[in-house]
Amino acid sequence: MGEDVDLVAAAGSIEDRDGAWDFIRCFVRGWRTPILPGDGCDESEITRAEARLGLALPAAMREAYSLFGRRSDLTSRQDRLLSPDQLRLEDGALVYRVESQHVVEWAVPLSHADEDDPPVWFRDAGAVSEPWRNYLGRFSLASVEIILSESVLCAEEGPLNHRA
């Protein structure tokens, strides 16, 4: 597993969201189970979420959900990527991910939702009066972080970190 994957070279190609998706495909192909057709959410699911929310999802978010939105083994073993029908607007942000015990949540600021690859915020979910804080500068990079952290924390063959 992972023998034919040059992750250093792949990581160096993450200059934009296409590079992020290429890295995710490369990593998953070498270290997990390759992404296949059907692993992403259908266009209709995404469109229904947009209609319900009253806004168009950023291009990077649409692409991520279309690529791996149904792969809970990659996105929801520890923390949880919300399904399109669970996306919600809260305190000026589009919440798309929650920590396993709902201690932290991640979101795209609505003030940047019209950008193709907007920044991501996070906050303590238990203290909703707390302000959102900057997390990563691009949603596509946050998607890479999801895949890597979920793989390290909860690999099917057992934890790949200090919890082994």
C-alpha atoms as a PDB file:
ATOM      1  CA  MET A   1       0.000   0.000   0.000  1.00  0.00           C
ATOM      2  CA  GLY A   2       1.352   3.417  -0.961  1.00  0.00           C
ATOM      3  CA  GLU A   3       4.470   2.047  -2.656  1.00  0.00           C
ATOM      4  CA  ASP A   4       3.795   3.527  -6.096  1.00  0.00           C
ATOM      5  CA  VAL A   5       2.590   6.922  -4.888  1.00  0.00           C
ATOM      6  CA  ASP A   6       4.950   9.900  -4.786  1.00  0.00           C
ATOM      7  CA  LEU A   7       3.040  12.029  -2.301  1.00  0.00           C
ATOM      8  CA  VAL A   8       5.788  14.634  -2.087  1.00  0.00           C
ATOM      9  CA  ALA A   9       5.535  15.298  -5.817  1.00  0.00           C
ATOM     10  CA  ALA A  10       1.743  15.183  -5.652  1.00  0.00           C
ATOM     11  CA  ALA A  11       1.665  17.619  -2.723  1.00  0.00           C
ATOM     12  CA  GLY A  12       3.865  20.007  -4.670  1.00  0.00           C
ATOM     13  CA  SER A  13       1.183  20.195  -7.337  1.00  0.00           C
ATOM     14  CA  ILE A  14      -1.446  21.688  -5.032  1.00  0.00           C
ATOM     15  CA  GLU A  15      -1.373  25.174  -6.487  1.00  0.00           C
ATOM     16  CA  ASP A  16      -5.092  25.389  -7.156  1.00  0.00           C
ATOM     17  CA  ARG A  17      -8.208  23.337  -6.643  1.00  0.00           C
ATOM     18  CA  ASP A  18      -7.480  21.046  -9.608  1.00  0.00           C
ATOM     19  CA  GLY A  19      -4.151  20.265  -7.941  1.00  0.00           C
ATOM     20  CA  ALA A  20      -5.981  19.510  -4.693  1.00  0.00           C
ATOM     21  CA  TRP A  21      -8.328  17.071  -6.431  1.00  0.00           C
ATOM     22  CA  ASP A  22      -5.366  15.434  -8.222  1.00  0.00           C
ATOM     23  CA  PHE A  23      -3.549  15.054  -4.899  1.00  0.00           C
ATOM     24  CA  ILE A  24      -6.628  13.527  -3.262  1.00  0.00           C
ATOM     25  CA  ARG A  25      -7.033  11.046  -6.135  1.00  0.00           C
ATOM     26  CA  CYS A  26      -3.329  10.161  -5.938  1.00  0.00           C
ATOM     27  CA  PHE A  27      -3.324   9.751  -2.154  1.00  0.00           C
ATOM     28  CA  VAL A  28      -6.521   7.718  -2.090  1.00  0.00           C
ATOM     29  CA  ARG A  29      -5.357   5.498  -4.958  1.00  0.00           C
ATOM     30  CA  GLY A  30      -2.133   4.671  -3.112  1.00  0.00           C
ATOM     31  CA  TRP A  31      -3.200   4.609   0.527  1.00  0.00           C
ATOM     32  CA  ARG A  32      -6.922   3.953   0.664  1.00  0.00           C
ATOM     33  CA  THR A  33      -9.461   2.627  -1.850  1.00  0.00           C
ATOM     34  CA  PRO A  34      -9.456   4.544  -5.164  1.00  0.00           C
ATOM     35  CA  ILE A  35     -12.219   7.033  -5.852  1.00  0.00           C
ATOM     36  CA  LEU A  36     -14.717   5.553  -8.282  1.00  0.00           C
ATOM     37  CA  PRO A  37     -17.787   6.799 -10.140  1.00  0.00           C
ATOM     38  CA  GLY A  38     -20.634   6.951  -7.646  1.00  0.00           C
ATOM     39  CA  ASP A  39     -18.383   8.037  -4.748  1.00  0.00           C
ATOM     40  CA  GLY A  40     -19.555  11.593  -5.207  1.00  0.00           C
ATOM     41  CA  CYS A  41     -22.917  13.196  -4.632  1.00  0.00           C
ATOM     42  CA  ASP A  42     -25.310  13.506  -7.557  1.00  0.00           C
ATOM     43  CA  GLU A  43     -25.830  16.891  -9.147  1.00  0.00           C
ATOM     44  CA  SER A  44     -29.470  16.723  -8.038  1.00  0.00           C
ATOM     45  CA  GLU A  45     -28.445  16.460  -4.358  1.00  0.00           C
ATOM     46  CA  ILE A  46     -26.228  19.510  -4.683  1.00  0.00           C
ATOM     47  CA  THR A  47     -28.874  21.476  -6.589  1.00  0.00           C
ATOM     48  CA  ARG A  48     -31.515  20.665  -3.934  1.00  0.00           C
ATOM     49  CA  ALA A  49     -29.147  21.861  -1.196  1.00  0.00           C
ATOM     50  CA  GLU A  50     -28.547  25.121  -3.082  1.00  0.00           C
ATOM     51  CA  ALA A  51     -32.276  25.689  -3.498  1.00  0.00           C
ATOM     52  CA  ARG A  52     -32.913  24.989   0.188  1.00  0.00           C
ATOM     53  CA  LEU A  53     -30.074  27.300   1.273  1.00  0.00           C
ATOM     54  CA  GLY A  54     -30.904  30.006  -1.264  1.00  0.00           C
ATOM     55  CA  LEU A  55     -27.365  30.255  -2.597  1.00  0.00           C
ATOM     56  CA  ALA A  56     -25.015  28.618  -5.071  1.00  0.00           C
ATOM     57  CA  LEU A  57     -22.314  26.537  -3.442  1.00  0.00           C
ATOM     58  CA  PRO A  58     -18.754  27.630  -4.245  1.00  0.00           C
ATOM     59  CA  ALA A  59     -17.227  25.736  -7.188  1.00  0.00           C
ATOM     60  CA  ALA A  60     -14.673  23.991  -4.948  1.00  0.00           C
ATOM     61  CA  MET A  61     -17.388  22.755  -2.596  1.00  0.00           C
ATOM     62  CA  ARG A  62     -19.491  21.472  -5.501  1.00  0.00           C
ATOM     63  CA  GLU A  63     -16.443  19.700  -6.941  1.00  0.00           C
ATOM     64  CA  ALA A  64     -15.482  18.122  -3.612  1.00  0.00           C
ATOM     65  CA  TYR A  65     -18.986  16.807  -2.997  1.00  0.00           C
ATOM     66  CA  SER A  66     -19.136  15.535  -6.597  1.00  0.00           C
ATOM     67  CA  LEU A  67     -15.783  13.764  -6.243  1.00  0.00           C
ATOM     68  CA  PHE A  68     -15.965  12.119  -2.806  1.00  0.00           C
ATOM     69  CA  GLY A  69     -19.092  13.339  -1.009  1.00  0.00           C
ATOM     70  CA  ARG A  70     -20.399   9.814  -0.372  1.00  0.00           C
ATOM     71  CA  ARG A  71     -17.090   8.367   0.826  1.00  0.00           C
ATOM     72  CA  SER A  72     -17.629   8.387   4.582  1.00  0.00           C
ATOM     73  CA  ASP A  73     -14.448   6.314   4.969  1.00  0.00           C
ATOM     74  CA  LEU A  74     -12.554   9.368   3.660  1.00  0.00           C
ATOM     75  CA  THR A  75     -14.628  12.145   5.210  1.00  0.00           C
ATOM     76  CA  SER A  76     -16.504  11.027   8.288  1.00  0.00           C
ATOM     77  CA  ARG A  77     -14.708   8.411  10.351  1.00  0.00           C
ATOM     78  CA  GLN A  78     -13.653  10.872  13.072  1.00  0.00           C
ATOM     79  CA  ASP A  79     -15.179  14.207  12.145  1.00  0.00           C
ATOM     80  CA  ARG A  80     -18.133  14.434   9.799  1.00  0.00           C
ATOM     81  CA  LEU A  81     -18.528  16.063   6.410  1.00  0.00           C
ATOM     82  CA  LEU A  82     -22.179  17.060   6.321  1.00  0.00           C
ATOM     83  CA  SER A  83     -24.187  15.668   3.431  1.00  0.00           C
ATOM     84  CA  PRO A  84     -25.632  18.289   1.070  1.00  0.00           C
ATOM     85  CA  ASP A  85     -29.035  18.035   2.773  1.00  0.00           C
ATOM     86  CA  GLN A  86     -27.382  18.766   6.148  1.00  0.00           C
ATOM     87  CA  LEU A  87     -25.495  21.911   5.090  1.00  0.00           C
ATOM     88  CA  ARG A  88     -26.693  24.873   7.116  1.00  0.00           C
ATOM     89  CA  LEU A  89     -26.342  28.636   7.352  1.00  0.00           C
ATOM     90  CA  GLU A  90     -25.321  29.901  10.757  1.00  0.00           C
ATOM     91  CA  ASP A  91     -23.890  33.201  11.984  1.00  0.00           C
ATOM     92  CA  GLY A  92     -22.768  34.413   8.570  1.00  0.00           C
ATOM     93  CA  ALA A  93     -21.307  31.108   7.471  1.00  0.00           C
ATOM     94  CA  LEU A  94     -22.130  27.944   5.529  1.00  0.00           C
ATOM     95  CA  VAL A  95     -21.379  25.070   7.923  1.00  0.00           C
ATOM     96  CA  TYR A  96     -20.180  21.910   6.143  1.00  0.00           C
ATOM     97  CA  ARG A  97     -18.229  19.852   8.719  1.00  0.00           C
ATOM     98  CA  VAL A  98     -18.547  19.035  12.430  1.00  0.00           C
ATOM     99  CA  GLU A  99     -16.151  17.401  14.855  1.00  0.00           C
ATOM    100  CA  SER A 100     -17.115  13.929  16.125  1.00  0.00           C
ATOM    101  CA  GLN A 101     -18.348  15.186  19.506  1.00  0.00           C
ATOM    102  CA  HIS A 102     -19.581  18.451  17.972  1.00  0.00           C
ATOM    103  CA  VAL A 103     -16.873  20.448  19.693  1.00  0.00           C
ATOM    104  CA  VAL A 104     -15.701  22.185  16.518  1.00  0.00           C
ATOM    105  CA  GLU A 105     -17.387  23.095  13.261  1.00  0.00           C
ATOM    106  CA  TRP A 106     -15.973  24.297   9.949  1.00  0.00           C
ATOM    107  CA  ALA A 107     -17.642  26.670   7.512  1.00  0.00           C
ATOM    108  CA  VAL A 108     -17.266  28.891   4.475  1.00  0.00           C
ATOM    109  CA  PRO A 109     -17.894  32.558   5.283  1.00  0.00           C
ATOM    110  CA  LEU A 110     -20.961  33.790   3.408  1.00  0.00           C
ATOM    111  CA  SER A 111     -19.047  36.957   2.561  1.00  0.00           C
ATOM    112  CA  HIS A 112     -16.783  34.739   0.379  1.00  0.00           C
ATOM    113  CA  ALA A 113     -19.333  32.156  -0.803  1.00  0.00           C
ATOM    114  CA  ASP A 114     -19.333  33.630  -4.318  1.00  0.00           C
ATOM    115  CA  GLU A 115     -15.620  32.799  -4.723  1.00  0.00           C
ATOM    116  CA  ASP A 116     -14.629  29.622  -6.565  1.00  0.00           C
ATOM    117  CA  ASP A 117     -12.305  28.415  -3.778  1.00  0.00           C
ATOM    118  CA  PRO A 118     -13.196  30.434  -0.661  1.00  0.00           C
ATOM    119  CA  PRO A 119     -11.447  30.435   2.700  1.00  0.00           C
ATOM    120  CA  VAL A 120     -12.599  28.218   5.548  1.00  0.00           C
ATOM    121  CA  TRP A 121     -13.370  29.242   9.111  1.00  0.00           C
ATOM    122  CA  PHE A 122     -13.756  27.206  12.278  1.00  0.00           C
ATOM    123  CA  ARG A 123     -15.092  27.747  15.778  1.00  0.00           C
ATOM    124  CA  ASP A 124     -15.927  26.055  19.042  1.00  0.00           C
ATOM    125  CA  ALA A 125     -19.378  24.646  18.336  1.00  0.00           C
ATOM    126  CA  GLY A 126     -20.306  24.655  22.000  1.00  0.00           C
ATOM    127  CA  ALA A 127     -19.827  28.403  22.253  1.00  0.00           C
ATOM    128  CA  VAL A 128     -21.769  29.766  19.300  1.00  0.00           C
ATOM    129  CA  SER A 129     -21.270  33.256  20.657  1.00  0.00           C
ATOM    130  CA  GLU A 130     -17.556  32.810  19.906  1.00  0.00           C
ATOM    131  CA  PRO A 131     -16.454  34.367  16.626  1.00  0.00           C
ATOM    132  CA  TRP A 132     -15.422  32.332  13.628  1.00  0.00           C
ATOM    133  CA  ARG A 133     -11.641  32.124  13.153  1.00  0.00           C
ATOM    134  CA  ASN A 134      -9.561  31.619  10.027  1.00  0.00           C
ATOM    135  CA  TYR A 135      -8.676  27.990   9.330  1.00  0.00           C
ATOM    136  CA  LEU A 136      -7.331  27.623   5.784  1.00  0.00           C
ATOM    137  CA  GLY A 137      -7.208  29.997   2.860  1.00  0.00           C
ATOM    138  CA  ARG A 138      -8.916  27.692   0.365  1.00  0.00           C
ATOM    139  CA  PHE A 139     -11.734  25.165   0.591  1.00  0.00           C
ATOM    140  CA  SER A 140      -9.783  22.794  -1.652  1.00  0.00           C
ATOM    141  CA  LEU A 141      -6.914  22.743   0.872  1.00  0.00           C
ATOM    142  CA  ALA A 142      -9.390  22.081   3.675  1.00  0.00           C
ATOM    143  CA  SER A 143     -10.629  19.129   1.591  1.00  0.00           C
ATOM    144  CA  VAL A 144      -7.083  17.747   1.408  1.00  0.00           C
ATOM    145  CA  GLU A 145      -6.850  18.127   5.185  1.00  0.00           C
ATOM    146  CA  ILE A 146     -10.114  16.207   5.631  1.00  0.00           C
ATOM    147  CA  ILE A 147      -8.873  13.255   3.567  1.00  0.00           C
ATOM    148  CA  LEU A 148      -5.465  13.159   5.266  1.00  0.00           C
ATOM    149  CA  SER A 149      -6.693  13.562   8.833  1.00  0.00           C
ATOM    150  CA  GLU A 150      -9.530  11.063   8.436  1.00  0.00           C
ATOM    151  CA  SER A 151      -7.093   8.566   6.935  1.00  0.00           C
ATOM    152  CA  VAL A 152      -4.563   8.959   9.735  1.00  0.00           C
ATOM    153  CA  LEU A 153      -7.086   8.933  12.562  1.00  0.00           C
ATOM    154  CA  CYS A 154      -9.385   6.181  11.435  1.00  0.00           C
ATOM    155  CA  ALA A 155      -7.879   3.916   8.834  1.00  0.00           C
ATOM    156  CA  GLU A 156      -9.752   0.652   8.362  1.00  0.00           C
ATOM    157  CA  GLU A 157      -6.653  -1.318   9.280  1.00  0.00           C
ATOM    158  CA  GLY A 158      -6.511   0.539  12.593  1.00  0.00           C
ATOM    159  CA  PRO A 159      -5.333   3.939  13.757  1.00  0.00           C
ATOM    160  CA  LEU A 160      -2.218   5.117  11.975  1.00  0.00           C
ATOM    161  CA  ASN A 161      -1.165   7.485  14.728  1.00  0.00           C
ATOM    162  CA  HIS A 162      -0.164   7.434  18.384  1.00  0.00           C
ATOM    163  CA  ARG A 163      -3.399   5.688  19.376  1.00  0.00           C
ATOM    164  CA  ALA A 164      -2.202   2.338  17.961  1.00  0.00           C
END
